[in-house]
Structure formats: structure tokens, C-alpha cells
């Protein structure tokens, strides 16, 4: 996995991300969209044969770096909760 910032302004941040499953980015996008201070959060697949994605964030109040950090923490908590629920359901 490799990520690099391709565009950064006061309230705007764009990443190029390689070799990661897009579903992880969708969970992060979902977490970003929960916050009303984030105006936009989008994930784009650059090409179906190349695992390269763009993640863009526009915020109104928060620093975009803090918004992405908070959303990653939220995604981790969500997946931990999901994992615990599934373990209880299947009895492991």
C-alpha cells in the first residue's frame, strides 16, 4: 500500500492511493460523510486494471488531515465492532 498527497489547501485534501482494497476507502468515505463539517468526501477508481484510487476531502471547519485521521479511527472502531458481533454470532 502506498499513499501520497496530490493536492492540499486550507480545507481541501486529495490523496492518490495504490494497492489497497477499495472497500476500505468506502468505509473511510462513509465515516467522513457522517461529519456535517465535511462538505465532500469521494473515492474514485482511476482505472479498473490498475489499483490506483483518489480520495478527496473538502471540509468547512476541520483541518482535512484531522478529518481523515478521525474517520480512519471511526472506521477502525466500526470494523472492530463488526468483528466482535460476527464472533458472537458464529460462536468463536
PDB file of N, CA and C in Angstrom:
ATOM      1  N   UNK A   1       0.856  -1.165   0.000  1.00  0.00           N
ATOM      2  CA  UNK A   1       0.000   0.000   0.000  1.00  0.00           C
ATOM      3  C   UNK A   1       0.905   1.231   0.000  1.00  0.00           C
ATOM      4  N   UNK A   2       0.489   2.207  -0.777  1.00  0.00           N
ATOM      5  CA  UNK A   2       1.245   3.451  -0.876  1.00  0.00           C
ATOM      6  C   UNK A   2       0.250   4.600  -1.045  1.00  0.00           C
ATOM      7  N   UNK A   3       0.466   5.688  -0.310  1.00  0.00           N
ATOM      8  CA  UNK A   3      -0.406   6.865  -0.433  1.00  0.00           C
ATOM      9  C   UNK A   3       0.461   8.105  -0.543  1.00  0.00           C
ATOM     10  N   UNK A   4      -0.006   9.051  -1.345  1.00  0.00           N
ATOM     11  CA  UNK A   4       0.684  10.331  -1.438  1.00  0.00           C
ATOM     12  C   UNK A   4      -0.348  11.441  -1.603  1.00  0.00           C
ATOM     13  N   UNK A   5      -0.034  12.581  -1.028  1.00  0.00           N
ATOM     14  CA  UNK A   5      -0.901  13.745  -1.154  1.00  0.00           C
ATOM     15  C   UNK A   5      -0.638  14.374  -2.511  1.00  0.00           C
ATOM     16  N   UNK A   6      -1.703  14.542  -3.291  1.00  0.00           N
ATOM     17  CA  UNK A   6      -1.551  15.148  -4.618  1.00  0.00           C
ATOM     18  C   UNK A   6      -2.017  16.596  -4.650  1.00  0.00           C
ATOM     19  N   UNK A   7      -2.838  16.976  -3.674  1.00  0.00           N
ATOM     20  CA  UNK A   7      -3.347  18.341  -3.636  1.00  0.00           C
ATOM     21  C   UNK A   7      -3.728  18.665  -2.195  1.00  0.00           C
ATOM     22  N   UNK A   8      -3.285  19.817  -1.715  1.00  0.00           N
ATOM     23  CA  UNK A   8      -3.636  20.230  -0.355  1.00  0.00           C
ATOM     24  C   UNK A   8      -3.800  21.744  -0.311  1.00  0.00           C
ATOM     25  N   UNK A   9      -4.915  22.184   0.261  1.00  0.00           N
ATOM     26  CA  UNK A   9      -5.186  23.590   0.531  1.00  0.00           C
ATOM     27  C   UNK A   9      -5.687  23.685   1.967  1.00  0.00           C
ATOM     28  N   UNK A  10      -6.200  24.856   2.338  1.00  0.00           N
ATOM     29  CA  UNK A  10      -6.666  25.060   3.712  1.00  0.00           C
ATOM     30  C   UNK A  10      -7.691  24.022   4.138  1.00  0.00           C
ATOM     31  N   UNK A  11      -8.715  23.831   3.376  1.00  0.00           N
ATOM     32  CA  UNK A  11      -9.824  22.935   3.743  1.00  0.00           C
ATOM     33  C   UNK A  11     -10.030  21.823   2.711  1.00  0.00           C
ATOM     34  N   UNK A  12      -9.011  21.532   1.938  1.00  0.00           N
ATOM     35  CA  UNK A  12      -9.136  20.565   0.853  1.00  0.00           C
ATOM     36  C   UNK A  12      -7.907  19.663   0.845  1.00  0.00           C
ATOM     37  N   UNK A  13      -8.133  18.361   0.642  1.00  0.00           N
ATOM     38  CA  UNK A  13      -7.047  17.401   0.624  1.00  0.00           C
ATOM     39  C   UNK A  13      -7.374  16.298  -0.367  1.00  0.00           C
ATOM     40  N   UNK A  14      -6.383  15.917  -1.159  1.00  0.00           N
ATOM     41  CA  UNK A  14      -6.571  14.852  -2.136  1.00  0.00           C
ATOM     42  C   UNK A  14      -5.380  13.903  -2.068  1.00  0.00           C
ATOM     43  N   UNK A  15      -5.683  12.611  -1.985  1.00  0.00           N
ATOM     44  CA  UNK A  15      -4.675  11.555  -1.924  1.00  0.00           C
ATOM     45  C   UNK A  15      -4.734  10.706  -3.179  1.00  0.00           C
ATOM     46  N   UNK A  16      -3.596  10.181  -3.563  1.00  0.00           N
ATOM     47  CA  UNK A  16      -3.529   9.102  -4.540  1.00  0.00           C
ATOM     48  C   UNK A  16      -3.095   7.873  -3.741  1.00  0.00           C
ATOM     49  N   UNK A  17      -3.855   6.792  -3.844  1.00  0.00           N
ATOM     50  CA  UNK A  17      -3.601   5.597  -3.042  1.00  0.00           C
ATOM     51  C   UNK A  17      -3.473   4.395  -3.978  1.00  0.00           C
ATOM     52  N   UNK A  18      -2.416   3.598  -3.758  1.00  0.00           N
ATOM     53  CA  UNK A  18      -2.147   2.424  -4.586  1.00  0.00           C
ATOM     54  C   UNK A  18      -2.266   1.139  -3.763  1.00  0.00           C
ATOM     55  N   UNK A  19      -2.661   0.076  -4.424  1.00  0.00           N
ATOM     56  CA  UNK A  19      -2.626  -1.287  -3.867  1.00  0.00           C
ATOM     57  C   UNK A  19      -3.340  -1.430  -2.526  1.00  0.00           C
ATOM     58  N   UNK A  20      -4.588  -0.993  -2.491  1.00  0.00           N
ATOM     59  CA  UNK A  20      -5.425  -1.175  -1.314  1.00  0.00           C
ATOM     60  C   UNK A  20      -6.812  -1.597  -1.804  1.00  0.00           C
ATOM     61  N   UNK A  21      -7.541  -2.302  -0.989  1.00  0.00           N
ATOM     62  CA  UNK A  21      -8.892  -2.699  -1.365  1.00  0.00           C
ATOM     63  C   UNK A  21      -9.805  -1.483  -1.285  1.00  0.00           C
ATOM     64  N   UNK A  22     -10.572  -1.247  -2.320  1.00  0.00           N
ATOM     65  CA  UNK A  22     -11.427  -0.056  -2.383  1.00  0.00           C
ATOM     66  C   UNK A  22     -12.492  -0.046  -1.285  1.00  0.00           C
ATOM     67  N   UNK A  23     -12.863  -1.211  -0.783  1.00  0.00           N
ATOM     68  CA  UNK A  23     -13.889  -1.245   0.261  1.00  0.00           C
ATOM     69  C   UNK A  23     -13.424  -0.520   1.518  1.00  0.00           C
ATOM     70  N   UNK A  24     -12.139  -0.546   1.819  1.00  0.00           N
ATOM     71  CA  UNK A  24     -11.602   0.183   2.965  1.00  0.00           C
ATOM     72  C   UNK A  24     -11.797   1.684   2.757  1.00  0.00           C
ATOM     73  N   UNK A  25     -11.538   2.135   1.545  1.00  0.00           N
ATOM     74  CA  UNK A  25     -11.712   3.553   1.234  1.00  0.00           C
ATOM     75  C   UNK A  25     -13.179   3.961   1.312  1.00  0.00           C
ATOM     76  N   UNK A  26     -14.079   3.062   0.922  1.00  0.00           N
ATOM     77  CA  UNK A  26     -15.505   3.363   1.030  1.00  0.00           C
ATOM     78  C   UNK A  26     -15.940   3.504   2.488  1.00  0.00           C
ATOM     79  N   UNK A  27     -15.376   2.694   3.372  1.00  0.00           N
ATOM     80  CA  UNK A  27     -15.700   2.808   4.799  1.00  0.00           C
ATOM     81  C   UNK A  27     -15.194   4.146   5.337  1.00  0.00           C
ATOM     82  N   UNK A  28     -13.980   4.535   4.952  1.00  0.00           N
ATOM     83  CA  UNK A  28     -13.436   5.829   5.370  1.00  0.00           C
ATOM     84  C   UNK A  28     -14.285   6.965   4.805  1.00  0.00           C
ATOM     85  N   UNK A  29     -14.687   6.840   3.551  1.00  0.00           N
ATOM     86  CA  UNK A  29     -15.557   7.849   2.931  1.00  0.00           C
ATOM     87  C   UNK A  29     -16.861   7.975   3.714  1.00  0.00           C
ATOM     88  N   UNK A  30     -17.440   6.842   4.076  1.00  0.00           N
ATOM     89  CA  UNK A  30     -18.687   6.842   4.849  1.00  0.00           C
ATOM     90  C   UNK A  30     -18.489   7.562   6.189  1.00  0.00           C
ATOM     91  N   UNK A  31     -17.386   7.279   6.861  1.00  0.00           N
ATOM     92  CA  UNK A  31     -17.094   7.941   8.133  1.00  0.00           C
ATOM     93  C   UNK A  31     -16.923   9.449   7.941  1.00  0.00           C
ATOM     94  N   UNK A  32     -16.262   9.851   6.867  1.00  0.00           N
ATOM     95  CA  UNK A  32     -16.086  11.275   6.578  1.00  0.00           C
ATOM     96  C   UNK A  32     -17.427  11.956   6.334  1.00  0.00           C
ATOM     97  N   UNK A  33     -18.325  11.262   5.633  1.00  0.00           N
ATOM     98  CA  UNK A  33     -19.619  11.855   5.288  1.00  0.00           C
ATOM     99  C   UNK A  33     -20.554  11.973   6.487  1.00  0.00           C
ATOM    100  N   UNK A  34     -20.280  11.265   7.569  1.00  0.00           N
ATOM    101  CA  UNK A  34     -21.093  11.381   8.775  1.00  0.00           C
ATOM    102  C   UNK A  34     -20.936  12.747   9.444  1.00  0.00           C
ATOM    103  N   UNK A  35     -19.785  13.354   9.278  1.00  0.00           N
ATOM    104  CA  UNK A  35     -19.485  14.640   9.921  1.00  0.00           C
ATOM    105  C   UNK A  35     -20.038  15.777   9.066  1.00  0.00           C
ATOM    106  N   UNK A  36     -20.912  16.585   9.639  1.00  0.00           N
ATOM    107  CA  UNK A  36     -21.544  17.669   8.887  1.00  0.00           C
ATOM    108  C   UNK A  36     -20.547  18.763   8.485  1.00  0.00           C
ATOM    109  N   UNK A  37     -19.383  18.804   9.137  1.00  0.00           N
ATOM    110  CA  UNK A  37     -18.361  19.784   8.787  1.00  0.00           C
ATOM    111  C   UNK A  37     -17.573  19.392   7.539  1.00  0.00           C
ATOM    112  N   UNK A  38     -17.768  18.178   7.065  1.00  0.00           N
ATOM    113  CA  UNK A  38     -17.127  17.736   5.826  1.00  0.00           C
ATOM    114  C   UNK A  38     -18.124  17.915   4.685  1.00  0.00           C
ATOM    115  N   UNK A  39     -17.810  18.801   3.771  1.00  0.00           N
ATOM    116  CA  UNK A  39     -18.729  19.093   2.661  1.00  0.00           C
ATOM    117  C   UNK A  39     -18.713  17.998   1.617  1.00  0.00           C
ATOM    118  N   UNK A  40     -17.559  17.369   1.400  1.00  0.00           N
ATOM    119  CA  UNK A  40     -17.448  16.368   0.346  1.00  0.00           C
ATOM    120  C   UNK A  40     -16.385  15.350   0.734  1.00  0.00           C
ATOM    121  N   UNK A  41     -16.658  14.089   0.441  1.00  0.00           N
ATOM    122  CA  UNK A  41     -15.677  13.023   0.574  1.00  0.00           C
ATOM    123  C   UNK A  41     -15.971  12.036  -0.552  1.00  0.00           C
ATOM    124  N   UNK A  42     -14.999  11.819  -1.408  1.00  0.00           N
ATOM    125  CA  UNK A  42     -15.227  10.946  -2.557  1.00  0.00           C
ATOM    126  C   UNK A  42     -14.052  10.049  -2.845  1.00  0.00           C
ATOM    127  N   UNK A  43     -14.369   8.876  -3.367  1.00  0.00           N
ATOM    128  CA  UNK A  43     -13.367   7.897  -3.788  1.00  0.00           C
ATOM    129  C   UNK A  43     -13.577   7.636  -5.269  1.00  0.00           C
ATOM    130  N   UNK A  44     -12.481   7.648  -6.026  1.00  0.00           N
ATOM    131  CA  UNK A  44     -12.556   7.417  -7.462  1.00  0.00           C
ATOM    132  C   UNK A  44     -11.541   6.348  -7.846  1.00  0.00           C
ATOM    133  N   UNK A  45     -11.991   5.377  -8.617  1.00  0.00           N
ATOM    134  CA  UNK A  45     -11.105   4.375  -9.201  1.00  0.00           C
ATOM    135  C   UNK A  45     -10.557   4.952 -10.499  1.00  0.00           C
ATOM    136  N   UNK A  46      -9.239   5.114 -10.578  1.00  0.00           N
ATOM    137  CA  UNK A  46      -8.642   5.736 -11.760  1.00  0.00           C
ATOM    138  C   UNK A  46      -8.777   4.854 -13.005  1.00  0.00           C
ATOM    139  N   UNK A  47      -8.547   3.544 -12.860  1.00  0.00           N
ATOM    140  CA  UNK A  47      -8.664   2.617 -13.986  1.00  0.00           C
ATOM    141  C   UNK A  47      -8.906   1.222 -13.430  1.00  0.00           C
ATOM    142  N   UNK A  48      -9.821   0.440 -14.028  1.00  0.00           N
ATOM    143  CA  UNK A  48     -10.160  -0.875 -13.468  1.00  0.00           C
ATOM    144  C   UNK A  48      -9.004  -1.879 -13.438  1.00  0.00           C
ATOM    145  N   UNK A  49      -8.017  -1.711 -14.299  1.00  0.00           N
ATOM    146  CA  UNK A  49      -6.902  -2.660 -14.339  1.00  0.00           C
ATOM    147  C   UNK A  49      -5.736  -2.243 -13.451  1.00  0.00           C
ATOM    148  N   UNK A  50      -5.767  -1.025 -12.958  1.00  0.00           N
ATOM    149  CA  UNK A  50      -4.705  -0.511 -12.099  1.00  0.00           C
ATOM    150  C   UNK A  50      -5.333  -0.154 -10.756  1.00  0.00           C
ATOM    151  N   UNK A  51      -4.824  -0.725  -9.683  1.00  0.00           N
ATOM    152  CA  UNK A  51      -5.397  -0.461  -8.368  1.00  0.00           C
ATOM    153  C   UNK A  51      -4.887   0.875  -7.835  1.00  0.00           C
ATOM    154  N   UNK A  52      -5.354   1.945  -8.472  1.00  0.00           N
ATOM    155  CA  UNK A  52      -4.998   3.300  -8.056  1.00  0.00           C
ATOM    156  C   UNK A  52      -6.285   4.078  -7.833  1.00  0.00           C
ATOM    157  N   UNK A  53      -6.399   4.674  -6.663  1.00  0.00           N
ATOM    158  CA  UNK A  53      -7.614   5.378  -6.288  1.00  0.00           C
ATOM    159  C   UNK A  53      -7.278   6.798  -5.866  1.00  0.00           C
ATOM    160  N   UNK A  54      -8.269   7.657  -5.957  1.00  0.00           N
ATOM    161  CA  UNK A  54      -8.157   9.027  -5.457  1.00  0.00           C
ATOM    162  C   UNK A  54      -9.179   9.176  -4.334  1.00  0.00           C
ATOM    163  N   UNK A  55      -8.766   9.789  -3.249  1.00  0.00           N
ATOM    164  CA  UNK A  55      -9.651  10.112  -2.131  1.00  0.00           C
ATOM    165  C   UNK A  55      -9.570  11.619  -1.938  1.00  0.00           C
ATOM    166  N   UNK A  56     -10.713  12.289  -2.038  1.00  0.00           N
ATOM    167  CA  UNK A  56     -10.747  13.744  -1.916  1.00  0.00           C
ATOM    168  C   UNK A  56     -11.664  14.140  -0.769  1.00  0.00           C
ATOM    169  N   UNK A  57     -11.227  15.146  -0.003  1.00  0.00           N
ATOM    170  CA  UNK A  57     -11.963  15.630   1.153  1.00  0.00           C
ATOM    171  C   UNK A  57     -12.050  17.146   1.073  1.00  0.00           C
ATOM    172  N   UNK A  58     -13.254  17.682   1.283  1.00  0.00           N
ATOM    173  CA  UNK A  58     -13.465  19.129   1.428  1.00  0.00           C
ATOM    174  C   UNK A  58     -14.141  19.351   2.775  1.00  0.00           C
ATOM    175  N   UNK A  59     -13.563  20.192   3.607  1.00  0.00           N
ATOM    176  CA  UNK A  59     -14.141  20.455   4.922  1.00  0.00           C
ATOM    177  C   UNK A  59     -14.527  21.929   5.041  1.00  0.00           C
ATOM    178  N   UNK A  60     -15.418  22.226   5.993  1.00  0.00           N
ATOM    179  CA  UNK A  60     -15.792  23.613   6.232  1.00  0.00           C
ATOM    180  C   UNK A  60     -15.114  24.178   7.469  1.00  0.00           C
ATOM    181  N   UNK A  61     -14.904  23.356   8.499  1.00  0.00           N
ATOM    182  CA  UNK A  61     -14.324  23.842   9.750  1.00  0.00           C
ATOM    183  C   UNK A  61     -13.034  23.113  10.121  1.00  0.00           C
ATOM    184  N   UNK A  62     -13.039  21.806  10.012  1.00  0.00           N
ATOM    185  CA  UNK A  62     -11.904  20.997  10.461  1.00  0.00           C
ATOM    186  C   UNK A  62     -10.725  21.088   9.507  1.00  0.00           C
ATOM    187  N   UNK A  63      -9.548  20.789  10.039  1.00  0.00           N
ATOM    188  CA  UNK A  63      -8.397  20.578   9.186  1.00  0.00           C
ATOM    189  C   UNK A  63      -8.625  19.257   8.445  1.00  0.00           C
ATOM    190  N   UNK A  64      -8.353  19.193   7.149  1.00  0.00           N
ATOM    191  CA  UNK A  64      -8.595  17.941   6.421  1.00  0.00           C
ATOM    192  C   UNK A  64      -7.778  16.771   6.957  1.00  0.00           C
ATOM    193  N   UNK A  65      -6.555  17.036   7.435  1.00  0.00           N
ATOM    194  CA  UNK A  65      -5.746  15.952   7.999  1.00  0.00           C
ATOM    195  C   UNK A  65      -6.397  15.385   9.257  1.00  0.00           C
ATOM    196  N   UNK A  66      -6.973  16.258  10.081  1.00  0.00           N
ATOM    197  CA  UNK A  66      -7.669  15.789  11.278  1.00  0.00           C
ATOM    198  C   UNK A  66      -8.934  15.035  10.898  1.00  0.00           C
ATOM    199  N   UNK A  67      -9.633  15.511   9.883  1.00  0.00           N
ATOM    200  CA  UNK A  67     -10.857  14.829   9.435  1.00  0.00           C
ATOM    201  C   UNK A  67     -10.540  13.413   8.958  1.00  0.00           C
ATOM    202  N   UNK A  68      -9.467  13.253   8.187  1.00  0.00           N
ATOM    203  CA  UNK A  68      -9.123  11.910   7.698  1.00  0.00           C
ATOM    204  C   UNK A  68      -8.667  11.031   8.858  1.00  0.00           C
ATOM    205  N   UNK A  69      -7.921  11.595   9.786  1.00  0.00           N
ATOM    206  CA  UNK A  69      -7.469  10.829  10.952  1.00  0.00           C
ATOM    207  C   UNK A  69      -8.657  10.363  11.796  1.00  0.00           C
ATOM    208  N   UNK A  70      -9.600  11.270  12.048  1.00  0.00           N
ATOM    209  CA  UNK A  70     -10.792  10.909  12.825  1.00  0.00           C
ATOM    210  C   UNK A  70     -11.624   9.847  12.107  1.00  0.00           C
ATOM    211  N   UNK A  71     -11.724   9.968  10.784  1.00  0.00           N
ATOM    212  CA  UNK A  71     -12.530   8.993  10.037  1.00  0.00           C
ATOM    213  C   UNK A  71     -11.858   7.621  10.002  1.00  0.00           C
ATOM    214  N   UNK A  72     -10.536   7.591   9.949  1.00  0.00           N
ATOM    215  CA  UNK A  72      -9.824   6.307   9.999  1.00  0.00           C
ATOM    216  C   UNK A  72     -10.039   5.660  11.364  1.00  0.00           C
ATOM    217  N   UNK A  73      -9.961   6.467  12.433  1.00  0.00           N
ATOM    218  CA  UNK A  73     -10.238   5.935  13.776  1.00  0.00           C
ATOM    219  C   UNK A  73     -11.666   5.399  13.861  1.00  0.00           C
ATOM    220  N   UNK A  74     -12.618   6.118  13.277  1.00  0.00           N
ATOM    221  CA  UNK A  74     -14.006   5.653  13.258  1.00  0.00           C
ATOM    222  C   UNK A  74     -14.165   4.367  12.470  1.00  0.00           C
ATOM    223  N   UNK A  75     -13.455   4.246  11.360  1.00  0.00           N
ATOM    224  CA  UNK A  75     -13.513   3.031  10.547  1.00  0.00           C
ATOM    225  C   UNK A  75     -12.928   1.834  11.310  1.00  0.00           C
ATOM    226  N   UNK A  76     -11.855   2.082  12.045  1.00  0.00           N
ATOM    227  CA  UNK A  76     -11.253   1.015  12.857  1.00  0.00           C
ATOM    228  C   UNK A  76     -12.233   0.562  13.934  1.00  0.00           C
ATOM    229  N   UNK A  77     -12.864   1.508  14.609  1.00  0.00           N
ATOM    230  CA  UNK A  77     -13.852   1.156  15.637  1.00  0.00           C
ATOM    231  C   UNK A  77     -15.019   0.387  15.035  1.00  0.00           C
ATOM    232  N   UNK A  78     -15.480   0.818  13.866  1.00  0.00           N
ATOM    233  CA  UNK A  78     -16.583   0.128  13.193  1.00  0.00           C
ATOM    234  C   UNK A  78     -16.206  -1.316  12.871  1.00  0.00           C
ATOM    235  N   UNK A  79     -15.026  -1.521  12.301  1.00  0.00           N
ATOM    236  CA  UNK A  79     -14.635  -2.890  11.931  1.00  0.00           C
ATOM    237  C   UNK A  79     -14.391  -3.747  13.170  1.00  0.00           C
ATOM    238  N   UNK A  80     -13.878  -3.156  14.253  1.00  0.00           N
ATOM    239  CA  UNK A  80     -13.723  -3.922  15.493  1.00  0.00           C
ATOM    240  C   UNK A  80     -15.072  -4.339  16.054  1.00  0.00           C
ATOM    241  N   UNK A  81     -16.046  -3.413  16.037  1.00  0.00           N
ATOM    242  CA  UNK A  81     -17.397  -3.741  16.498  1.00  0.00           C
ATOM    243  C   UNK A  81     -18.021  -4.828  15.628  1.00  0.00           C
ATOM    244  N   UNK A  82     -17.848  -4.714  14.326  1.00  0.00           N
ATOM    245  CA  UNK A  82     -18.385  -5.709  13.402  1.00  0.00           C
ATOM    246  C   UNK A  82     -17.749  -7.066  13.642  1.00  0.00           C
ATOM    247  N   UNK A  83     -16.445  -7.075  13.843  1.00  0.00           N
ATOM    248  CA  UNK A  83     -15.739  -8.325  14.112  1.00  0.00           C
ATOM    249  C   UNK A  83     -16.255  -8.987  15.386  1.00  0.00           C
ATOM    250  N   UNK A  84     -16.428  -8.189  16.446  1.00  0.00           N
ATOM    251  CA  UNK A  84     -16.950  -8.725  17.699  1.00  0.00           C
ATOM    252  C   UNK A  84     -18.354  -9.290  17.541  1.00  0.00           C
ATOM    253  N   UNK A  85     -19.197  -8.575  16.801  1.00  0.00           N
ATOM    254  CA  UNK A  85     -20.567  -9.035  16.585  1.00  0.00           C
ATOM    255  C   UNK A  85     -20.569 -10.358  15.802  1.00  0.00           C
ATOM    256  N   UNK A  86     -19.734 -10.451  14.790  1.00  0.00           N
ATOM    257  CA  UNK A  86     -19.695 -11.681  13.986  1.00  0.00           C
ATOM    258  C   UNK A  86     -19.171 -12.840  14.799  1.00  0.00           C
ATOM    259  N   UNK A  87     -18.186 -12.592  15.653  1.00  0.00           N
ATOM    260  CA  UNK A  87     -17.651 -13.665  16.513  1.00  0.00           C
ATOM    261  C   UNK A  87     -18.725 -14.178  17.471  1.00  0.00           C
ATOM    262  N   UNK A  88     -19.519 -13.255  18.029  1.00  0.00           N
ATOM    263  CA  UNK A  88     -20.619 -13.673  18.912  1.00  0.00           C
ATOM    264  C   UNK A  88     -21.672 -14.464  18.137  1.00  0.00           C
ATOM    265  N   UNK A  89     -21.941 -14.046  16.912  1.00  0.00           N
ATOM    266  CA  UNK A  89     -22.966 -14.701  16.111  1.00  0.00           C
ATOM    267  C   UNK A  89     -22.592 -16.120  15.722  1.00  0.00           C
ATOM    268  N   UNK A  90     -21.322 -16.312  15.333  1.00  0.00           N
ATOM    269  CA  UNK A  90     -20.911 -17.653  14.892  1.00  0.00           C
ATOM    270  C   UNK A  90     -20.342 -18.485  16.014  1.00  0.00           C
ATOM    271  N   UNK A  91     -20.162 -17.875  17.190  1.00  0.00           N
ATOM    272  CA  UNK A  91     -19.749 -18.621  18.367  1.00  0.00           C
ATOM    273  C   UNK A  91     -18.279 -18.922  18.463  1.00  0.00           C
ATOM    274  N   UNK A  92     -17.416 -18.097  17.885  1.00  0.00           N
ATOM    275  CA  UNK A  92     -15.968 -18.337  18.001  1.00  0.00           C
ATOM    276  C   UNK A  92     -15.376 -17.491  19.089  1.00  0.00           C
TER     277      UNK A  92
END
